[in-house]
């Protein structure tokens, strides 16, 4: 979710953009490509975890806890 604050006529208007599934997949592919340039790759489990968070099926705290657990087991 992206939050932008834009001034219009000296009033602040809050816009929250909802991304489509296609936009989410493109963002994930871009992140994977950036990691690959650095020689790092996501496992299927890591990708699944990220997709759960991106699609809103997991709270941020739960995501961070599971990501830390994955990192410990590497």
N, C-alpha and C. Protein backbone atom coordinates (compact mmCIF):
# COMPACT_ATOMS: atom_id res chain seq x y z
N UNK A 1 0.85 -1.16 0.00
CA UNK A 1 0.00 0.00 0.00
C UNK A 1 0.90 1.23 0.00
N UNK A 2 0.61 2.17 -0.83
CA UNK A 2 1.40 3.38 -0.94
C UNK A 2 0.56 4.56 -0.49
N UNK A 3 1.11 5.40 0.39
CA UNK A 3 0.37 6.55 0.90
C UNK A 3 1.08 7.81 0.42
N UNK A 4 0.36 8.66 -0.27
CA UNK A 4 0.90 9.92 -0.76
C UNK A 4 0.11 11.07 -0.16
N UNK A 5 0.82 12.08 0.30
CA UNK A 5 0.17 13.29 0.80
C UNK A 5 0.43 14.37 -0.23
N UNK A 6 -0.64 14.96 -0.75
CA UNK A 6 -0.53 15.96 -1.80
C UNK A 6 -1.22 17.24 -1.33
N UNK A 7 -0.54 18.37 -1.53
CA UNK A 7 -1.16 19.65 -1.19
C UNK A 7 -2.03 20.10 -2.35
N UNK A 8 -3.25 20.41 -2.04
CA UNK A 8 -4.17 20.98 -3.02
C UNK A 8 -4.85 22.16 -2.36
N UNK A 9 -4.59 23.32 -2.91
CA UNK A 9 -5.21 24.54 -2.40
C UNK A 9 -5.00 24.68 -0.89
N UNK A 10 -3.75 24.38 -0.46
CA UNK A 10 -3.33 24.51 0.94
C UNK A 10 -4.01 23.51 1.88
N UNK A 11 -4.74 22.56 1.36
CA UNK A 11 -5.31 21.50 2.18
C UNK A 11 -4.54 20.23 1.90
N UNK A 12 -4.40 19.40 2.90
CA UNK A 12 -3.74 18.12 2.70
C UNK A 12 -4.78 17.06 2.38
N UNK A 13 -4.52 16.34 1.32
CA UNK A 13 -5.41 15.28 0.88
C UNK A 13 -4.61 13.98 0.92
N UNK A 14 -5.14 12.97 1.56
CA UNK A 14 -4.45 11.69 1.69
C UNK A 14 -4.99 10.71 0.65
N UNK A 15 -4.08 10.18 -0.17
CA UNK A 15 -4.44 9.20 -1.17
C UNK A 15 -3.79 7.87 -0.83
N UNK A 16 -4.55 6.80 -0.87
CA UNK A 16 -4.02 5.46 -0.66
C UNK A 16 -4.25 4.68 -1.94
N UNK A 17 -3.15 4.27 -2.56
CA UNK A 17 -3.25 3.55 -3.82
C UNK A 17 -3.29 2.06 -3.56
N UNK A 18 -4.22 1.38 -4.15
CA UNK A 18 -4.31 -0.07 -4.08
C UNK A 18 -3.69 -0.62 -5.36
N UNK A 19 -2.74 -1.51 -5.20
CA UNK A 19 -2.06 -2.09 -6.34
C UNK A 19 -2.80 -3.32 -6.84
N UNK A 20 -2.77 -3.52 -8.14
CA UNK A 20 -3.38 -4.71 -8.74
C UNK A 20 -2.44 -5.90 -8.55
N UNK A 21 -2.97 -7.09 -8.75
CA UNK A 21 -2.16 -8.30 -8.63
C UNK A 21 -1.01 -8.27 -9.63
N UNK A 22 -1.27 -7.76 -10.83
CA UNK A 22 -0.23 -7.67 -11.85
C UNK A 22 0.89 -6.73 -11.40
N UNK A 23 0.53 -5.59 -10.82
CA UNK A 23 1.53 -4.64 -10.34
C UNK A 23 2.37 -5.24 -9.20
N UNK A 24 1.72 -6.03 -8.35
CA UNK A 24 2.43 -6.69 -7.25
C UNK A 24 3.44 -7.70 -7.78
N UNK A 25 3.03 -8.48 -8.78
CA UNK A 25 3.93 -9.47 -9.37
C UNK A 25 5.10 -8.80 -10.07
N UNK A 26 4.84 -7.69 -10.74
CA UNK A 26 5.92 -6.95 -11.40
C UNK A 26 6.91 -6.42 -10.37
N UNK A 27 6.40 -5.91 -9.25
CA UNK A 27 7.28 -5.41 -8.19
C UNK A 27 8.14 -6.54 -7.63
N UNK A 28 7.55 -7.71 -7.44
CA UNK A 28 8.31 -8.85 -6.94
C UNK A 28 9.38 -9.28 -7.94
N UNK A 29 9.04 -9.31 -9.23
CA UNK A 29 10.02 -9.67 -10.25
C UNK A 29 11.16 -8.67 -10.29
N UNK A 30 10.85 -7.38 -10.14
CA UNK A 30 11.89 -6.36 -10.12
C UNK A 30 12.81 -6.54 -8.92
N UNK A 31 12.23 -6.84 -7.76
CA UNK A 31 13.03 -7.06 -6.56
C UNK A 31 13.93 -8.29 -6.74
N UNK A 32 13.38 -9.35 -7.32
CA UNK A 32 14.17 -10.57 -7.56
C UNK A 32 15.32 -10.28 -8.53
N UNK A 33 15.07 -9.47 -9.55
CA UNK A 33 16.12 -9.13 -10.51
C UNK A 33 17.22 -8.31 -9.83
N UNK A 34 16.83 -7.39 -8.96
CA UNK A 34 17.82 -6.59 -8.23
C UNK A 34 18.67 -7.47 -7.33
N UNK A 35 18.03 -8.42 -6.66
CA UNK A 35 18.78 -9.35 -5.81
C UNK A 35 19.73 -10.21 -6.65
N UNK A 36 19.27 -10.66 -7.81
CA UNK A 36 20.09 -11.51 -8.67
C UNK A 36 21.34 -10.79 -9.14
N UNK A 37 21.23 -9.50 -9.39
CA UNK A 37 22.40 -8.71 -9.79
C UNK A 37 23.46 -8.77 -8.70
N UNK A 38 23.03 -8.82 -7.44
CA UNK A 38 23.94 -8.88 -6.30
C UNK A 38 24.34 -10.32 -5.97
N UNK A 39 23.81 -11.28 -6.73
CA UNK A 39 24.16 -12.68 -6.50
C UNK A 39 23.34 -13.35 -5.41
N UNK A 40 22.19 -12.75 -5.08
CA UNK A 40 21.30 -13.33 -4.07
C UNK A 40 20.01 -13.78 -4.75
N UNK A 41 19.46 -14.87 -4.26
CA UNK A 41 18.25 -15.43 -4.86
C UNK A 41 17.25 -15.79 -3.78
N UNK A 42 15.96 -15.63 -4.08
CA UNK A 42 14.89 -15.99 -3.15
C UNK A 42 14.54 -17.47 -3.33
N UNK A 43 14.27 -18.12 -2.22
CA UNK A 43 13.76 -19.49 -2.28
C UNK A 43 12.25 -19.42 -2.52
N UNK A 44 11.66 -20.55 -2.85
CA UNK A 44 10.21 -20.61 -3.05
C UNK A 44 9.49 -20.25 -1.76
N UNK A 45 10.03 -20.68 -0.62
CA UNK A 45 9.42 -20.37 0.67
C UNK A 45 9.45 -18.86 0.94
N UNK A 46 10.56 -18.23 0.61
CA UNK A 46 10.67 -16.78 0.80
C UNK A 46 9.71 -16.03 -0.11
N UNK A 47 9.59 -16.48 -1.35
CA UNK A 47 8.65 -15.85 -2.28
C UNK A 47 7.22 -15.99 -1.78
N UNK A 48 6.86 -17.17 -1.29
CA UNK A 48 5.52 -17.39 -0.75
C UNK A 48 5.24 -16.47 0.42
N UNK A 49 6.22 -16.32 1.30
CA UNK A 49 6.07 -15.44 2.46
C UNK A 49 5.84 -14.00 2.01
N UNK A 50 6.62 -13.56 1.04
CA UNK A 50 6.47 -12.19 0.53
C UNK A 50 5.09 -12.00 -0.10
N UNK A 51 4.64 -12.97 -0.89
CA UNK A 51 3.33 -12.86 -1.53
C UNK A 51 2.20 -12.83 -0.52
N UNK A 52 2.33 -13.60 0.57
CA UNK A 52 1.31 -13.57 1.63
C UNK A 52 1.20 -12.16 2.20
N UNK A 53 2.34 -11.52 2.43
CA UNK A 53 2.35 -10.16 2.99
C UNK A 53 1.82 -9.16 1.98
N UNK A 54 2.26 -9.26 0.74
CA UNK A 54 1.84 -8.33 -0.30
C UNK A 54 0.32 -8.39 -0.50
N UNK A 55 -0.24 -9.58 -0.43
CA UNK A 55 -1.68 -9.74 -0.66
C UNK A 55 -2.52 -9.46 0.57
N UNK A 56 -1.88 -9.09 1.67
CA UNK A 56 -2.62 -8.70 2.87
C UNK A 56 -3.14 -9.84 3.70
N UNK A 57 -2.65 -11.05 3.46
CA UNK A 57 -3.11 -12.19 4.23
C UNK A 57 -2.28 -12.40 5.49
N UNK A 58 -1.32 -11.50 5.72
CA UNK A 58 -0.44 -11.62 6.87
C UNK A 58 -0.12 -10.22 7.38
N UNK A 59 -0.15 -10.05 8.69
CA UNK A 59 0.21 -8.76 9.28
C UNK A 59 1.72 -8.59 9.25
N UNK A 60 2.15 -7.34 9.32
CA UNK A 60 3.57 -7.03 9.23
C UNK A 60 4.38 -7.69 10.35
N UNK A 61 3.85 -7.70 11.56
CA UNK A 61 4.56 -8.30 12.69
C UNK A 61 4.80 -9.79 12.46
N UNK A 62 3.78 -10.47 11.95
CA UNK A 62 3.89 -11.89 11.66
C UNK A 62 4.89 -12.14 10.54
N UNK A 63 4.84 -11.28 9.51
CA UNK A 63 5.78 -11.39 8.40
C UNK A 63 7.22 -11.25 8.89
N UNK A 64 7.47 -10.22 9.70
CA UNK A 64 8.82 -10.00 10.20
C UNK A 64 9.30 -11.16 11.06
N UNK A 65 8.42 -11.71 11.89
CA UNK A 65 8.80 -12.84 12.74
C UNK A 65 9.17 -14.05 11.89
N UNK A 66 8.38 -14.34 10.87
CA UNK A 66 8.67 -15.49 10.01
C UNK A 66 9.92 -15.25 9.17
N UNK A 67 10.12 -14.02 8.72
CA UNK A 67 11.31 -13.70 7.94
C UNK A 67 12.57 -13.85 8.80
N UNK A 68 12.49 -13.42 10.07
CA UNK A 68 13.63 -13.58 10.97
C UNK A 68 13.91 -15.05 11.22
N UNK A 69 12.85 -15.84 11.34
CA UNK A 69 13.03 -17.28 11.56
C UNK A 69 13.69 -17.94 10.34
N UNK A 70 13.28 -17.53 9.14
CA UNK A 70 13.92 -18.05 7.93
C UNK A 70 15.39 -17.65 7.89
N UNK A 71 15.69 -16.42 8.27
CA UNK A 71 17.07 -15.93 8.25
C UNK A 71 17.93 -16.70 9.25
N UNK A 72 17.38 -17.07 10.39
CA UNK A 72 18.14 -17.82 11.39
C UNK A 72 18.47 -19.22 10.92
N UNK A 73 17.62 -19.79 10.08
CA UNK A 73 17.79 -21.17 9.63
C UNK A 73 18.62 -21.30 8.36
N UNK A 74 19.21 -20.23 7.92
CA UNK A 74 20.02 -20.28 6.69
C UNK A 74 21.38 -20.86 6.99
